[in-house]
C-alpha atoms as a PDB file:
ATOM      1  CA  MET A   1     -31.172  -6.667-101.362  1.00  0.00           C
ATOM      2  CA  ILE A   2     -27.536  -7.964-101.528  1.00  0.00           C
ATOM      3  CA  LEU A   3     -25.089  -7.905 -98.573  1.00  0.00           C
ATOM      4  CA  GLN A   4     -22.103  -6.209 -98.633  1.00  0.00           C
ATOM      5  CA  PRO A   5     -19.680  -8.482 -96.895  1.00  0.00           C
ATOM      6  CA  ASP A   6     -16.512  -6.277 -97.100  1.00  0.00           C
ATOM      7  CA  LYS A   7     -18.468  -3.519 -95.651  1.00  0.00           C
ATOM      8  CA  LEU A   8     -19.367  -5.791 -92.238  1.00  0.00           C
ATOM      9  CA  THR A   9     -17.462  -4.953 -89.277  1.00  0.00           C
ATOM     10  CA  VAL A  10     -17.459  -4.740 -85.335  1.00  0.00           C
ATOM     11  CA  VAL A  11     -15.631  -1.366 -84.289  1.00  0.00           C
ATOM     12  CA  LEU A  12     -14.100  -1.063 -80.931  1.00  0.00           C
ATOM     13  CA  ALA A  13     -13.345   2.779 -80.338  1.00  0.00           C
ATOM     14  CA  GLY A  14     -11.275   3.793 -77.327  1.00  0.00           C
ATOM     15  CA  SER A  15      -7.651   4.105 -76.365  1.00  0.00           C
ATOM     16  CA  PHE A  16      -5.119   1.213 -77.802  1.00  0.00           C
ATOM     17  CA  ASN A  17      -1.700   0.458 -78.360  1.00  0.00           C
ATOM     18  CA  PRO A  18      -1.309  -1.371 -81.410  1.00  0.00           C
ATOM     19  CA  ALA A  19       2.263  -2.405 -80.689  1.00  0.00           C
ATOM     20  CA  ILE A  20       0.368  -5.009 -77.777  1.00  0.00           C
ATOM     21  CA  LEU A  21      -2.376  -6.155 -80.478  1.00  0.00           C
ATOM     22  CA  THR A  22      -0.209  -8.403 -82.440  1.00  0.00           C
ATOM     23  CA  PRO A  23      -1.446 -11.498 -84.231  1.00  0.00           C
ATOM     24  CA  GLN A  24       0.492 -13.663 -81.710  1.00  0.00           C
ATOM     25  CA  TRP A  25      -1.218 -11.828 -78.703  1.00  0.00           C
ATOM     26  CA  ILE A  26      -4.761 -12.049 -80.086  1.00  0.00           C
ATOM     27  CA  SER A  27      -4.302 -15.584 -81.160  1.00  0.00           C
ATOM     28  CA  ARG A  28      -3.242 -16.464 -77.102  1.00  0.00           C
ATOM     29  CA  HIS A  29      -5.459 -14.409 -75.477  1.00  0.00           C
ATOM     30  CA  GLY A  30      -8.666 -13.608 -77.831  1.00  0.00           C
ATOM     31  CA  LEU A  31      -8.561 -17.185 -79.708  1.00  0.00           C
ATOM     32  CA  GLN A  32      -7.228 -19.196 -76.623  1.00  0.00           C
ATOM     33  CA  GLU A  33      -4.615 -20.830 -78.506  1.00  0.00           C
ATOM     34  CA  PRO A  34      -1.624 -22.748 -77.230  1.00  0.00           C
ATOM     35  CA  VAL A  35       1.229 -20.606 -76.579  1.00  0.00           C
ATOM     36  CA  GLY A  36       3.749 -21.027 -78.919  1.00  0.00           C
ATOM     37  CA  GLN A  37       1.612 -22.700 -82.215  1.00  0.00           C
ATOM     38  CA  ASN A  38       2.584 -21.318 -84.829  1.00  0.00           C
ATOM     39  CA  PHE A  39       0.343 -20.045 -88.126  1.00  0.00           C
ATOM     40  CA  VAL A  40       0.116 -18.165 -91.074  1.00  0.00           C
ATOM     41  CA  VAL A  41      -0.750 -14.533 -91.032  1.00  0.00           C
ATOM     42  CA  GLU A  42      -1.875 -12.185 -94.082  1.00  0.00           C
ATOM     43  CA  MET A  43      -1.047  -8.760 -93.652  1.00  0.00           C
ATOM     44  CA  ALA A  44      -2.117  -5.828 -95.763  1.00  0.00           C
ATOM     45  CA  THR A  45      -1.462  -2.199 -94.997  1.00  0.00           C
ATOM     46  CA  GLN A  46      -3.760   0.640 -96.158  1.00  0.00           C
ATOM     47  CA  PHE A  47      -2.369   3.828 -96.490  1.00  0.00           C
ATOM     48  CA  GLY A  48      -4.318   7.326 -95.922  1.00  0.00           C
ATOM     49  CA  PRO A  49      -3.408  10.644 -95.012  1.00  0.00           C
ATOM     50  CA  ILE A  50      -1.868  10.331 -91.614  1.00  0.00           C
ATOM     51  CA  GLY A  51       0.521   6.921 -92.712  1.00  0.00           C
ATOM     52  CA  GLY A  52      -0.114   3.068 -93.259  1.00  0.00           C
ATOM     53  CA  ILE A  53      -2.874   0.905 -91.083  1.00  0.00           C
ATOM     54  CA  GLN A  54      -2.270  -2.542 -90.994  1.00  0.00           C
ATOM     55  CA  ARG A  55      -4.825  -5.019 -91.319  1.00  0.00           C
ATOM     56  CA  PHE A  56      -3.680  -8.938 -89.988  1.00  0.00           C
ATOM     57  CA  THR A  57      -5.903 -12.094 -90.615  1.00  0.00           C
ATOM     58  CA  PHE A  58      -5.192 -15.320 -89.477  1.00  0.00           C
ATOM     59  CA  GLY A  59      -7.227 -18.113 -87.725  1.00  0.00           C
ATOM     60  CA  GLY A  60     -10.703 -17.198 -89.130  1.00  0.00           C
ATOM     61  CA  ILE A  61     -10.542 -13.439 -87.661  1.00  0.00           C
ATOM     62  CA  SER A  62      -9.320 -10.484 -89.450  1.00  0.00           C
ATOM     63  CA  TYR A  63      -8.638  -7.185 -87.482  1.00  0.00           C
ATOM     64  CA  SER A  64      -6.891  -3.666 -87.964  1.00  0.00           C
ATOM     65  CA  PRO A  65      -5.793  -2.124 -84.753  1.00  0.00           C
ATOM     66  CA  ASN A  66      -4.635   1.619 -84.011  1.00  0.00           C
ATOM     67  CA  PHE A  67      -4.557   4.143 -81.401  1.00  0.00           C
ATOM     68  CA  ASN A  68      -8.174   5.075 -81.482  1.00  0.00           C
ATOM     69  CA  ASN A  69     -10.086   1.953 -82.558  1.00  0.00           C
ATOM     70  CA  ILE A  70      -9.970  -1.562 -83.418  1.00  0.00           C
ATOM     71  CA  THR A  71     -11.908  -2.709 -86.609  1.00  0.00           C
ATOM     72  CA  PHE A  72     -12.746  -6.044 -86.790  1.00  0.00           C
ATOM     73  CA  PHE A  73     -13.652  -7.370 -90.573  1.00  0.00           C
ATOM     74  CA  VAL A  74     -16.358 -10.259 -90.628  1.00  0.00           C
ATOM     75  CA  GLY A  75     -17.543 -10.155 -93.876  1.00  0.00           C
ATOM     76  CA  ALA A  76     -16.052 -13.295 -94.878  1.00  0.00           C
ATOM     77  CA  ALA A  77     -16.520 -15.497 -92.316  1.00  0.00           C
ATOM     78  CA  ASP A  78     -19.926 -17.556 -91.609  1.00  0.00           C
ATOM     79  CA  ALA A  79     -22.317 -17.490 -88.521  1.00  0.00           C
ATOM     80  CA  VAL A  80     -19.959 -19.146 -86.527  1.00  0.00           C
ATOM     81  CA  GLY A  81     -17.056 -17.186 -87.851  1.00  0.00           C
ATOM     82  CA  ARG A  82     -18.502 -14.037 -87.012  1.00  0.00           C
ATOM     83  CA  GLN A  83     -19.316 -14.961 -83.086  1.00  0.00           C
ATOM     84  CA  ARG A  84     -15.584 -16.265 -82.639  1.00  0.00           C
ATOM     85  CA  THR A  85     -14.747 -12.835 -83.795  1.00  0.00           C
ATOM     86  CA  CYS A  86     -16.842 -11.095 -81.285  1.00  0.00           C
ATOM     87  CA  SER A  87     -15.940 -13.424 -78.378  1.00  0.00           C
ATOM     88  CA  ALA A  88     -12.086 -13.056 -79.187  1.00  0.00           C
ATOM     89  CA  ALA A  89     -12.586  -9.427 -78.759  1.00  0.00           C
ATOM     90  CA  ALA A  90     -14.637  -9.857 -75.983  1.00  0.00           C
ATOM     91  CA  ARG A  91     -11.924 -11.878 -74.333  1.00  0.00           C
ATOM     92  CA  MET A  92      -9.035  -9.606 -75.352  1.00  0.00           C
ATOM     93  CA  LEU A  93     -10.905  -6.789 -73.239  1.00  0.00           C
ATOM     94  CA  GLU A  94     -11.420  -9.085 -70.609  1.00  0.00           C
ATOM     95  CA  THR A  95      -7.523  -9.330 -70.200  1.00  0.00           C
ATOM     96  CA  LEU A  96      -6.624  -5.612 -70.653  1.00  0.00           C
ATOM     97  CA  PRO A  97      -9.683  -4.512 -68.260  1.00  0.00           C
ATOM     98  CA  HIS A  98      -8.024  -1.006 -67.893  1.00  0.00           C
ATOM     99  CA  THR A  99      -8.677   0.097 -71.512  1.00  0.00           C
ATOM    100  CA  PRO A 100     -10.184   3.052 -72.178  1.00  0.00           C
ATOM    101  CA  ILE A 101     -13.227   2.444 -74.088  1.00  0.00           C
ATOM    102  CA  GLN A 102     -15.887   5.103 -75.749  1.00  0.00           C
ATOM    103  CA  GLY A 103     -18.326   2.535 -77.669  1.00  0.00           C
ATOM    104  CA  VAL A 104     -18.663  -0.712 -79.362  1.00  0.00           C
ATOM    105  CA  GLY A 105     -20.296  -0.474 -82.758  1.00  0.00           C
ATOM    106  CA  PHE A 106     -21.738  -3.331 -85.420  1.00  0.00           C
ATOM    107  CA  ASN A 107     -22.398  -2.344 -88.959  1.00  0.00           C
ATOM    108  CA  PHE A 108     -23.992  -3.759 -91.788  1.00  0.00           C
ATOM    109  CA  VAL A 109     -24.246  -2.571 -95.666  1.00  0.00           C
ATOM    110  CA  PHE A 110     -26.935  -3.637 -98.208  1.00  0.00           C
ATOM    111  CA  LEU A 111     -27.038  -2.305-101.820  1.00  0.00           C
ATOM    112  CA  ILE A 112     -30.370  -2.299-103.476  1.00  0.00           C
ATOM    113  CA  ALA A 113     -29.935  -2.349-107.056  1.00  0.00           C
ATOM    114  CA  GLU A 114     -33.679  -1.598-108.017  1.00  0.00           C
ATOM    115  CA  PRO A 115     -35.207   0.512-105.284  1.00  0.00           C
ATOM    116  CA  SER A 116     -39.264   0.345-104.810  1.00  0.00           C
ATOM    117  CA  GLN A 117     -41.548   3.455-105.599  1.00  0.00           C
ATOM    118  CA  GLU A 118     -41.822   3.535-101.925  1.00  0.00           C
ATOM    119  CA  LEU A 119     -37.752   3.976-101.221  1.00  0.00           C
ATOM    120  CA  LEU A 120     -37.310   6.250-103.986  1.00  0.00           C
ATOM    121  CA  GLN A 121     -40.501   8.429-102.498  1.00  0.00           C
ATOM    122  CA  LEU A 122     -38.562   8.766 -99.285  1.00  0.00           C
ATOM    123  CA  LEU A 123     -35.286   9.720-101.339  1.00  0.00           C
ATOM    124  CA  ARG A 124     -36.796  12.068-103.731  1.00  0.00           C
ATOM    125  CA  ALA A 125     -34.751  15.213-104.757  1.00  0.00           C
ATOM    126  CA  ASN A 126     -35.199  18.543-103.355  1.00  0.00           C
ATOM    127  CA  GLU A 127     -35.053  20.421-106.733  1.00  0.00           C
ATOM    128  CA  THR A 128     -35.861  24.020-104.780  1.00  0.00           C
ATOM    129  CA  LEU A 129     -32.403  23.045-103.005  1.00  0.00           C
ATOM    130  CA  ALA A 130     -30.852  22.829-106.429  1.00  0.00           C
ATOM    131  CA  ALA A 131     -32.340  25.934-107.649  1.00  0.00           C
ATOM    132  CA  ALA A 132     -31.504  28.107-105.111  1.00  0.00           C
ATOM    133  CA  LEU A 133     -27.680  27.676-106.081  1.00  0.00           C
ATOM    134  CA  THR A 134     -26.552  29.917-109.292  1.00  0.00           C
ATOM    135  CA  ASP A 135     -24.479  28.277-112.141  1.00  0.00           C
ATOM    136  CA  GLY A 136     -26.954  25.249-112.732  1.00  0.00           C
ATOM    137  CA  ALA A 137     -26.510  22.952-109.805  1.00  0.00           C
ATOM    138  CA  GLU A 138     -28.159  19.637-110.019  1.00  0.00           C
ATOM    139  CA  VAL A 139     -28.961  16.881-107.250  1.00  0.00           C
ATOM    140  CA  VAL A 140     -26.422  13.660-107.726  1.00  0.00           C
ATOM    141  CA  ALA A 141     -27.014  11.837-104.961  1.00  0.00           C
ATOM    142  CA  ARG A 142     -30.021  11.605-102.207  1.00  0.00           C
ATOM    143  CA  GLY A 143     -30.328  10.620 -98.708  1.00  0.00           C
ATOM    144  CA  TRP A 144     -32.445   9.361 -95.632  1.00  0.00           C
ATOM    145  CA  SER A 145     -31.800   8.708 -92.226  1.00  0.00           C
ATOM    146  CA  ASN A 146     -33.592   7.566 -88.997  1.00  0.00           C
ATOM    147  CA  VAL A 147     -32.225   7.202 -85.491  1.00  0.00           C
ATOM    148  CA  LEU A 148     -33.794   4.732 -83.418  1.00  0.00           C
ATOM    149  CA  ARG A 149     -33.388   3.594 -79.817  1.00  0.00           C
ATOM    150  CA  TRP A 150     -33.282   0.053 -79.382  1.00  0.00           C
ATOM    151  CA  ARG A 151     -32.618  -2.236 -76.716  1.00  0.00           C
ATOM    152  CA  GLU A 152     -29.142  -0.502 -75.081  1.00  0.00           C
ATOM    153  CA  ALA A 153     -28.104   0.754 -78.522  1.00  0.00           C
ATOM    154  CA  VAL A 154     -28.801   3.611 -80.821  1.00  0.00           C
ATOM    155  CA  VAL A 155     -29.164   2.460 -84.226  1.00  0.00           C
ATOM    156  CA  THR A 156     -28.878   4.590 -87.526  1.00  0.00           C
ATOM    157  CA  TYR A 157     -29.980   3.525 -90.601  1.00  0.00           C
ATOM    158  CA  GLN A 158     -28.991   5.841 -93.400  1.00  0.00           C
ATOM    159  CA  THR A 159     -29.976   5.175 -97.361  1.00  0.00           C
ATOM    160  CA  GLN A 160     -28.324   6.911-100.208  1.00  0.00           C
ATOM    161  CA  ILE A 161     -29.024   6.700-103.628  1.00  0.00           C
ATOM    162  CA  ASP A 162     -26.813   7.470-106.449  1.00  0.00           C
ATOM    163  CA  ALA A 163     -26.918   8.691-109.984  1.00  0.00           C
ATOM    164  CA  GLN A 164     -27.492   5.047-111.461  1.00  0.00           C
ATOM    165  CA  GLN A 165     -30.421   4.693-109.243  1.00  0.00           C
ATOM    166  CA  GLN A 166     -28.625   2.371-107.086  1.00  0.00           C
ATOM    167  CA  ALA A 167     -29.475   2.591-103.218  1.00  0.00           C
ATOM    168  CA  MET A 168     -27.558   1.673-100.243  1.00  0.00           C
ATOM    169  CA  VAL A 169     -28.628   1.081 -96.785  1.00  0.00           C
ATOM    170  CA  GLU A 170     -25.808   1.425 -94.146  1.00  0.00           C
ATOM    171  CA  VAL A 171     -27.059   0.380 -90.583  1.00  0.00           C
ATOM    172  CA  ASN A 172     -24.834   1.245 -87.565  1.00  0.00           C
ATOM    173  CA  PHE A 173     -25.562  -0.175 -83.875  1.00  0.00           C
ATOM    174  CA  HIS A 174     -23.718   1.847 -81.436  1.00  0.00           C
ATOM    175  CA  TYR A 175     -23.528   1.269 -77.541  1.00  0.00           C
ATOM    176  CA  GLY A 176     -22.100   4.040 -75.861  1.00  0.00           C
ATOM    177  CA  VAL A 177     -20.577   1.945 -73.193  1.00  0.00           C
ATOM    178  CA  THR A 178     -17.240   3.417 -71.136  1.00  0.00           C
ATOM    179  CA  THR A 179     -15.273   0.632 -69.904  1.00  0.00           C
ATOM    180  CA  ALA A 180     -13.730  -2.606 -71.010  1.00  0.00           C
ATOM    181  CA  ALA A 181     -16.278  -4.523 -69.169  1.00  0.00           C
ATOM    182  CA  ALA A 182     -19.181  -3.240 -70.624  1.00  0.00           C
ATOM    183  CA  ALA A 183     -17.755  -3.885 -74.215  1.00  0.00           C
ATOM    184  CA  ALA A 184     -16.841  -7.153 -73.509  1.00  0.00           C
ATOM    185  CA  ALA A 185     -20.416  -8.170 -72.029  1.00  0.00           C
ATOM    186  CA  VAL A 186     -21.986  -6.585 -75.027  1.00  0.00           C
ATOM    187  CA  LEU A 187     -19.650  -8.559 -77.577  1.00  0.00           C
ATOM    188  CA  GLY A 188     -19.175 -11.692 -75.361  1.00  0.00           C
ATOM    189  CA  ASP A 189     -23.347 -12.951 -75.290  1.00  0.00           C
ATOM    190  CA  LEU A 190     -23.032 -15.702 -77.440  1.00  0.00           C
ATOM    191  CA  THR A 191     -25.656 -14.752 -79.971  1.00  0.00           C
ATOM    192  CA  ALA A 192     -24.407 -11.063 -80.176  1.00  0.00           C
ATOM    193  CA  TYR A 193     -23.330 -10.908 -84.119  1.00  0.00           C
ATOM    194  CA  GLU A 194     -26.247 -12.947 -85.192  1.00  0.00           C
ATOM    195  CA  THR A 195     -28.919 -10.926 -83.044  1.00  0.00           C
ATOM    196  CA  HIS A 196     -27.645  -7.492 -84.551  1.00  0.00           C
ATOM    197  CA  PHE A 197     -27.444  -9.029 -87.972  1.00  0.00           C
ATOM    198  CA  ALA A 198     -31.286 -10.098 -87.911  1.00  0.00           C
ATOM    199  CA  ALA A 199     -32.220  -6.574 -86.775  1.00  0.00           C
ATOM    200  CA  ALA A 200     -29.951  -5.052 -89.530  1.00  0.00           C
ATOM    201  CA  VAL A 201     -31.594  -7.466 -92.237  1.00  0.00           C
ATOM    202  CA  ALA A 202     -35.301  -6.732 -90.629  1.00  0.00           C
ATOM    203  CA  GLY A 203     -34.825  -3.223 -90.839  1.00  0.00           C
ATOM    204  CA  ALA A 204     -33.305  -3.059 -94.346  1.00  0.00           C
ATOM    205  CA  THR A 205     -36.008  -5.005 -95.441  1.00  0.00           C
ATOM    206  CA  ALA A 206     -38.826  -2.866 -94.620  1.00  0.00           C
ATOM    207  CA  LEU A 207     -37.121  -0.162 -96.150  1.00  0.00           C
ATOM    208  CA  SER A 208     -36.311  -1.774 -99.583  1.00  0.00           C
ATOM    209  CA  GLY A 209     -39.151  -4.192 -99.721  1.00  0.00           C
ATOM    210  CA  GLN A 210     -36.868  -6.718-100.633  1.00  0.00           C
ATOM    211  CA  PRO A 211     -35.717 -10.013 -98.541  1.00  0.00           C
ATOM    212  CA  LEU A 212     -32.051 -10.708 -98.737  1.00  0.00           C
ATOM    213  CA  GLU A 213     -30.505 -12.422-101.659  1.00  0.00           C
END
């Protein structure tokens, strides 16, 4: 079972002003760096149906702000760096206490190159469904999911398998918090990230029957 670093994110959902959330502002209020400090910022733009979304990387954190959410990309960091991102997000919310918030999410993705027979049984195809459609329908991907209540989070484990028999386990921890203070409390815990990471690995290991490589 292989962790997919580019899919590891922490997401704040709500209403934001991207013009405020500049690297300089995040450095000062999130990372608590001195005012006026010079630093290198890497910027990339991803284009979609409604325009470009900018991603900033500096000081060990990487994030994309837009009007509906802020996505923090944590896959390239170690355990200390991942928690540093959570702490920076918490301090950001503490600085903007009136920010409308709709939730906090921790996301993880694991690749299973050789699924076990037990997992394949969960992901077996429904040929009756394919036969119900005319003109030679066939099942090209299969999925399975469970939603759990864990502590104060709703946790979704979603597994899919493709035509090459590779399975992906996607894990989402969702906190339905509605205030900046409540979101900051979730993120500000000093073991916030690693606690969710350990839980995600435990569940994915149980599903796959494979340890994390």
